[in-house]
Amino acid sequence: MSKELSFKSVKVDSWVWGKEAIIWGDKLEHKFTLKVLKPKVGKEGMLSLQYHREKEEAWVVYSGKGWILLASEGEVGTRIMKPGDFQTVPRGVIHRMMGLTNDFAVIEPSTPDVHAADKSKIKDVVRLHCVFGRECEKPKSLDQQTLVERCIQISEEALCLVEEGETPPEYNLNWVLKQGGGNLNSLF
């Protein structure tokens, strides 16, 4: 006789770009946050170009294929992420992602995300560009403006290719990997 298992209830938030399930971090006293992100494909699933003032995160691809962009200190790079790939995103690093396949899912451990636990708390996101027209902050300096413009150009090129059914090329991949990228299968 088998007994039915009872799992923890998981909160799922819907955003314009897709959904996120909050596995841990749904209470303010939690010391870390663990989410599963499920961006849509292409423009519908492109997260805003953003950075965090406090939050640090990592992305581990669980399924599917996606595109990421990182930018920092004058450098911009992109990467095609597949199952087992991981990428760290330190505080202050400009980033975005989008799905390339419908089954793209990313596990995101991070420092505490208080907005995930309490929607009345301010979200730690500095949005610099959004394909959905959401409000964005102006770059803080001419250098940041130049970097943001380059990120937007690369993002638009990637979107055009995705709309044509093609996979965007990886750009400045060695730099992206040096920021904390790899694959779980190559660790041991």
C-alpha atoms as a PDB file:
ATOM      1  CA  MET A   1       0.000   0.000   0.000  1.00  0.00           C
ATOM      2  CA  SER A   2       1.574   3.284  -1.063  1.00  0.00           C
ATOM      3  CA  LYS A   3       1.078   6.480   0.839  1.00  0.00           C
ATOM      4  CA  GLU A   4       0.507   9.701  -1.126  1.00  0.00           C
ATOM      5  CA  LEU A   5       3.309  12.221  -0.690  1.00  0.00           C
ATOM      6  CA  SER A   6       2.561  15.738   0.453  1.00  0.00           C
ATOM      7  CA  PHE A   7       4.894  18.394  -0.945  1.00  0.00           C
ATOM      8  CA  LYS A   8       5.492  21.940   0.289  1.00  0.00           C
ATOM      9  CA  SER A   9       3.230  24.451  -1.411  1.00  0.00           C
ATOM     10  CA  VAL A  10       5.291  26.563  -3.819  1.00  0.00           C
ATOM     11  CA  LYS A  11       4.395  30.142  -4.683  1.00  0.00           C
ATOM     12  CA  VAL A  12       4.459  30.918  -8.422  1.00  0.00           C
ATOM     13  CA  ASP A  13       4.665  34.532  -9.595  1.00  0.00           C
ATOM     14  CA  SER A  14       3.709  35.503 -13.151  1.00  0.00           C
ATOM     15  CA  TRP A  15       5.616  38.284 -14.899  1.00  0.00           C
ATOM     16  CA  VAL A  16       5.385  39.717 -18.412  1.00  0.00           C
ATOM     17  CA  TRP A  17       8.414  37.608 -19.430  1.00  0.00           C
ATOM     18  CA  GLY A  18       7.255  34.307 -17.897  1.00  0.00           C
ATOM     19  CA  LYS A  19       6.962  32.713 -14.449  1.00  0.00           C
ATOM     20  CA  GLU A  20       9.069  32.099 -11.380  1.00  0.00           C
ATOM     21  CA  ALA A  21       8.475  29.523  -8.671  1.00  0.00           C
ATOM     22  CA  ILE A  22       9.780  30.488  -5.241  1.00  0.00           C
ATOM     23  CA  ILE A  23      11.078  27.263  -3.671  1.00  0.00           C
ATOM     24  CA  TRP A  24      12.722  29.002  -0.692  1.00  0.00           C
ATOM     25  CA  GLY A  25      12.870  32.639   0.328  1.00  0.00           C
ATOM     26  CA  ASP A  26       9.140  33.200   0.577  1.00  0.00           C
ATOM     27  CA  LYS A  27       9.573  34.355   4.181  1.00  0.00           C
ATOM     28  CA  LEU A  28      11.558  37.414   5.281  1.00  0.00           C
ATOM     29  CA  GLU A  29      13.544  35.384   7.827  1.00  0.00           C
ATOM     30  CA  HIS A  30      14.971  33.091   5.114  1.00  0.00           C
ATOM     31  CA  LYS A  31      18.715  33.607   4.634  1.00  0.00           C
ATOM     32  CA  PHE A  32      18.730  32.805   0.908  1.00  0.00           C
ATOM     33  CA  THR A  33      16.283  32.579  -1.989  1.00  0.00           C
ATOM     34  CA  LEU A  34      15.828  29.682  -4.402  1.00  0.00           C
ATOM     35  CA  LYS A  35      13.687  30.173  -7.496  1.00  0.00           C
ATOM     36  CA  VAL A  36      12.975  28.395 -10.745  1.00  0.00           C
ATOM     37  CA  LEU A  37      12.647  30.850 -13.644  1.00  0.00           C
ATOM     38  CA  LYS A  38      10.662  29.915 -16.746  1.00  0.00           C
ATOM     39  CA  PRO A  39      11.108  32.671 -19.367  1.00  0.00           C
ATOM     40  CA  LYS A  40       9.066  32.550 -22.555  1.00  0.00           C
ATOM     41  CA  VAL A  41      10.788  32.272 -25.947  1.00  0.00           C
ATOM     42  CA  GLY A  42      12.227  35.300 -27.743  1.00  0.00           C
ATOM     43  CA  LYS A  43      10.987  38.843 -27.201  1.00  0.00           C
ATOM     44  CA  GLU A  44       8.061  37.642 -25.051  1.00  0.00           C
ATOM     45  CA  GLY A  45      10.583  36.060 -22.685  1.00  0.00           C
ATOM     46  CA  MET A  46      13.318  38.674 -22.643  1.00  0.00           C
ATOM     47  CA  LEU A  47      13.928  39.881 -19.111  1.00  0.00           C
ATOM     48  CA  SER A  48      14.815  43.530 -18.670  1.00  0.00           C
ATOM     49  CA  LEU A  49      18.415  44.650 -18.932  1.00  0.00           C
ATOM     50  CA  GLN A  50      19.108  45.125 -15.240  1.00  0.00           C
ATOM     51  CA  TYR A  51      21.449  44.915 -12.292  1.00  0.00           C
ATOM     52  CA  HIS A  52      20.998  44.528  -8.551  1.00  0.00           C
ATOM     53  CA  ARG A  53      22.358  46.832  -5.852  1.00  0.00           C
ATOM     54  CA  GLU A  54      22.528  44.071  -3.222  1.00  0.00           C
ATOM     55  CA  LYS A  55      21.362  40.752  -4.637  1.00  0.00           C
ATOM     56  CA  GLU A  56      23.840  38.219  -6.030  1.00  0.00           C
ATOM     57  CA  GLU A  57      22.598  35.213  -7.946  1.00  0.00           C
ATOM     58  CA  ALA A  58      23.604  32.190  -9.976  1.00  0.00           C
ATOM     59  CA  TRP A  59      21.794  30.508 -12.835  1.00  0.00           C
ATOM     60  CA  VAL A  60      21.810  26.745 -13.359  1.00  0.00           C
ATOM     61  CA  VAL A  61      19.954  25.509 -16.436  1.00  0.00           C
ATOM     62  CA  TYR A  62      17.609  22.662 -15.594  1.00  0.00           C
ATOM     63  CA  SER A  63      16.058  22.152 -19.038  1.00  0.00           C
ATOM     64  CA  GLY A  64      15.855  23.626 -22.506  1.00  0.00           C
ATOM     65  CA  LYS A  65      18.050  26.255 -24.076  1.00  0.00           C
ATOM     66  CA  GLY A  66      18.355  29.975 -23.384  1.00  0.00           C
ATOM     67  CA  TRP A  67      20.388  33.082 -24.148  1.00  0.00           C
ATOM     68  CA  ILE A  68      22.061  35.265 -21.529  1.00  0.00           C
ATOM     69  CA  LEU A  69      23.899  38.572 -21.629  1.00  0.00           C
ATOM     70  CA  LEU A  70      26.312  39.924 -19.012  1.00  0.00           C
ATOM     71  CA  ALA A  71      28.040  43.321 -18.963  1.00  0.00           C
ATOM     72  CA  SER A  72      30.492  44.925 -16.571  1.00  0.00           C
ATOM     73  CA  GLU A  73      33.447  47.326 -16.650  1.00  0.00           C
ATOM     74  CA  GLY A  74      33.144  48.035 -20.377  1.00  0.00           C
ATOM     75  CA  GLU A  75      32.789  44.374 -21.412  1.00  0.00           C
ATOM     76  CA  VAL A  76      29.683  42.707 -22.878  1.00  0.00           C
ATOM     77  CA  GLY A  77      29.261  39.009 -23.545  1.00  0.00           C
ATOM     78  CA  THR A  78      26.552  36.499 -24.383  1.00  0.00           C
ATOM     79  CA  ARG A  79      26.206  32.775 -23.913  1.00  0.00           C
ATOM     80  CA  ILE A  80      23.854  30.033 -25.042  1.00  0.00           C
ATOM     81  CA  MET A  81      22.896  28.072 -21.928  1.00  0.00           C
ATOM     82  CA  LYS A  82      21.935  24.378 -21.978  1.00  0.00           C
ATOM     83  CA  PRO A  83      21.130  21.832 -19.245  1.00  0.00           C
ATOM     84  CA  GLY A  84      23.933  21.647 -16.693  1.00  0.00           C
ATOM     85  CA  ASP A  85      25.376  25.055 -17.582  1.00  0.00           C
ATOM     86  CA  PHE A  86      25.801  27.541 -14.748  1.00  0.00           C
ATOM     87  CA  GLN A  87      26.633  31.230 -14.547  1.00  0.00           C
ATOM     88  CA  THR A  88      27.195  33.478 -11.549  1.00  0.00           C
ATOM     89  CA  VAL A  89      25.843  37.036 -11.592  1.00  0.00           C
ATOM     90  CA  PRO A  90      27.563  39.163  -8.936  1.00  0.00           C
ATOM     91  CA  ARG A  91      26.004  42.294  -7.482  1.00  0.00           C
ATOM     92  CA  GLY A  92      26.216  45.209  -9.926  1.00  0.00           C
ATOM     93  CA  VAL A  93      26.712  43.119 -13.081  1.00  0.00           C
ATOM     94  CA  ILE A  94      24.278  44.096 -15.846  1.00  0.00           C
ATOM     95  CA  HIS A  95      22.387  41.065 -17.136  1.00  0.00           C
ATOM     96  CA  ARG A  96      19.356  39.680 -18.956  1.00  0.00           C
ATOM     97  CA  MET A  97      18.122  36.384 -20.370  1.00  0.00           C
ATOM     98  CA  MET A  98      15.508  34.932 -22.696  1.00  0.00           C
ATOM     99  CA  GLY A  99      14.305  31.487 -23.589  1.00  0.00           C
ATOM    100  CA  LEU A 100      15.266  29.906 -26.891  1.00  0.00           C
ATOM    101  CA  THR A 101      13.064  26.839 -26.345  1.00  0.00           C
ATOM    102  CA  ASN A 102       9.683  26.449 -24.633  1.00  0.00           C
ATOM    103  CA  ASP A 103      11.142  24.121 -21.992  1.00  0.00           C
ATOM    104  CA  PHE A 104      13.877  26.547 -20.848  1.00  0.00           C
ATOM    105  CA  ALA A 105      13.983  26.505 -17.036  1.00  0.00           C
ATOM    106  CA  VAL A 106      16.661  28.000 -14.785  1.00  0.00           C
ATOM    107  CA  ILE A 107      17.322  27.288 -11.117  1.00  0.00           C
ATOM    108  CA  GLU A 108      18.328  30.565  -9.439  1.00  0.00           C
ATOM    109  CA  PRO A 109      19.890  30.482  -5.969  1.00  0.00           C
ATOM    110  CA  SER A 110      20.573  33.977  -4.637  1.00  0.00           C
ATOM    111  CA  THR A 111      21.152  36.114  -1.621  1.00  0.00           C
ATOM    112  CA  PRO A 112      17.804  37.014  -0.007  1.00  0.00           C
ATOM    113  CA  ASP A 113      15.237  38.575  -2.347  1.00  0.00           C
ATOM    114  CA  VAL A 114      12.943  40.356   0.112  1.00  0.00           C
ATOM    115  CA  HIS A 115      10.471  41.253  -2.656  1.00  0.00           C
ATOM    116  CA  ALA A 116       9.945  37.531  -3.316  1.00  0.00           C
ATOM    117  CA  ALA A 117       8.901  37.158   0.333  1.00  0.00           C
ATOM    118  CA  ASP A 118       6.914  40.384   0.671  1.00  0.00           C
ATOM    119  CA  LYS A 119       5.616  42.246  -2.394  1.00  0.00           C
ATOM    120  CA  SER A 120       5.316  45.468  -0.345  1.00  0.00           C
ATOM    121  CA  LYS A 121       9.142  45.566  -0.148  1.00  0.00           C
ATOM    122  CA  ILE A 122      11.054  47.409  -2.865  1.00  0.00           C
ATOM    123  CA  LYS A 123      12.384  45.092  -5.573  1.00  0.00           C
ATOM    124  CA  ASP A 124      16.193  45.195  -5.879  1.00  0.00           C
ATOM    125  CA  VAL A 125      16.200  45.703  -9.649  1.00  0.00           C
ATOM    126  CA  VAL A 126      17.714  48.646 -11.484  1.00  0.00           C
ATOM    127  CA  ARG A 127      16.086  48.323 -14.905  1.00  0.00           C
ATOM    128  CA  LEU A 128      18.086  49.900 -17.763  1.00  0.00           C
ATOM    129  CA  HIS A 129      16.105  48.680 -20.803  1.00  0.00           C
ATOM    130  CA  CYS A 130      12.864  46.773 -21.240  1.00  0.00           C
ATOM    131  CA  VAL A 131      11.355  45.394 -24.458  1.00  0.00           C
ATOM    132  CA  PHE A 132       7.918  45.678 -22.791  1.00  0.00           C
ATOM    133  CA  GLY A 133       8.253  49.435 -22.198  1.00  0.00           C
ATOM    134  CA  ARG A 134       8.431  49.281 -18.412  1.00  0.00           C
ATOM    135  CA  GLU A 135      10.000  52.268 -16.665  1.00  0.00           C
ATOM    136  CA  CYS A 136      13.803  52.301 -16.741  1.00  0.00           C
ATOM    137  CA  GLU A 137      16.479  54.315 -14.986  1.00  0.00           C
ATOM    138  CA  LYS A 138      18.884  56.460 -16.948  1.00  0.00           C
ATOM    139  CA  PRO A 139      22.526  55.308 -16.994  1.00  0.00           C
ATOM    140  CA  LYS A 140      24.627  56.828 -14.188  1.00  0.00           C
ATOM    141  CA  SER A 141      27.535  57.855 -16.414  1.00  0.00           C
ATOM    142  CA  LEU A 142      28.617  58.186 -20.031  1.00  0.00           C
ATOM    143  CA  ASP A 143      30.545  54.912 -19.699  1.00  0.00           C
ATOM    144  CA  GLN A 144      27.443  53.112 -18.424  1.00  0.00           C
ATOM    145  CA  GLN A 145      25.345  54.681 -21.204  1.00  0.00           C
ATOM    146  CA  THR A 146      27.799  53.374 -23.823  1.00  0.00           C
ATOM    147  CA  LEU A 147      27.711  49.919 -22.217  1.00  0.00           C
ATOM    148  CA  VAL A 148      23.893  49.887 -22.070  1.00  0.00           C
ATOM    149  CA  GLU A 149      23.646  50.965 -25.730  1.00  0.00           C
ATOM    150  CA  ARG A 150      25.968  48.090 -26.700  1.00  0.00           C
ATOM    151  CA  CYS A 151      23.854  45.652 -24.651  1.00  0.00           C
ATOM    152  CA  ILE A 152      20.685  46.849 -26.386  1.00  0.00           C
ATOM    153  CA  GLN A 153      22.296  46.495 -29.832  1.00  0.00           C
ATOM    154  CA  ILE A 154      23.448  42.928 -29.085  1.00  0.00           C
ATOM    155  CA  SER A 155      20.025  42.080 -27.600  1.00  0.00           C
ATOM    156  CA  GLU A 156      18.203  43.391 -30.683  1.00  0.00           C
ATOM    157  CA  GLU A 157      20.508  41.396 -32.980  1.00  0.00           C
ATOM    158  CA  ALA A 158      19.798  38.258 -30.925  1.00  0.00           C
ATOM    159  CA  LEU A 159      16.041  38.901 -31.049  1.00  0.00           C
ATOM    160  CA  CYS A 160      16.097  39.267 -34.855  1.00  0.00           C
ATOM    161  CA  LEU A 161      17.839  35.903 -35.193  1.00  0.00           C
ATOM    162  CA  VAL A 162      15.432  34.195 -32.783  1.00  0.00           C
ATOM    163  CA  GLU A 163      12.462  35.589 -34.742  1.00  0.00           C
ATOM    164  CA  GLU A 164      14.004  34.010 -37.876  1.00  0.00           C
ATOM    165  CA  GLY A 165      14.252  30.662 -36.070  1.00  0.00           C
ATOM    166  CA  GLU A 166      18.026  30.871 -35.621  1.00  0.00           C
ATOM    167  CA  THR A 167      20.191  30.629 -32.515  1.00  0.00           C
ATOM    168  CA  PRO A 168      22.137  33.835 -31.783  1.00  0.00           C
ATOM    169  CA  PRO A 169      25.939  33.530 -31.780  1.00  0.00           C
ATOM    170  CA  GLU A 170      27.856  33.672 -28.526  1.00  0.00           C
ATOM    171  CA  TYR A 171      29.746  36.917 -28.135  1.00  0.00           C
ATOM    172  CA  ASN A 172      32.875  37.405 -25.978  1.00  0.00           C
ATOM    173  CA  LEU A 173      32.244  33.953 -24.453  1.00  0.00           C
ATOM    174  CA  ASN A 174      35.614  33.587 -22.710  1.00  0.00           C
ATOM    175  CA  TRP A 175      34.942  36.794 -20.784  1.00  0.00           C
ATOM    176  CA  VAL A 176      31.464  35.533 -19.770  1.00  0.00           C
ATOM    177  CA  LEU A 177      32.905  32.227 -18.543  1.00  0.00           C
ATOM    178  CA  LYS A 178      35.612  34.055 -16.546  1.00  0.00           C
ATOM    179  CA  GLN A 179      32.786  35.842 -14.686  1.00  0.00           C
ATOM    180  CA  GLY A 180      31.810  32.491 -13.161  1.00  0.00           C
ATOM    181  CA  GLY A 181      30.472  30.230 -15.873  1.00  0.00           C
ATOM    182  CA  GLY A 182      30.819  26.528 -16.475  1.00  0.00           C
ATOM    183  CA  ASN A 183      29.015  23.223 -16.754  1.00  0.00           C
ATOM    184  CA  LEU A 184      28.185  20.861 -13.901  1.00  0.00           C
ATOM    185  CA  ASN A 185      29.420  17.857 -15.912  1.00  0.00           C
ATOM    186  CA  SER A 186      32.935  19.323 -16.125  1.00  0.00           C
ATOM    187  CA  LEU A 187      33.360  19.814 -12.371  1.00  0.00           C
ATOM    188  CA  PHE A 188      34.419  16.316 -11.332  1.00  0.00           C
END
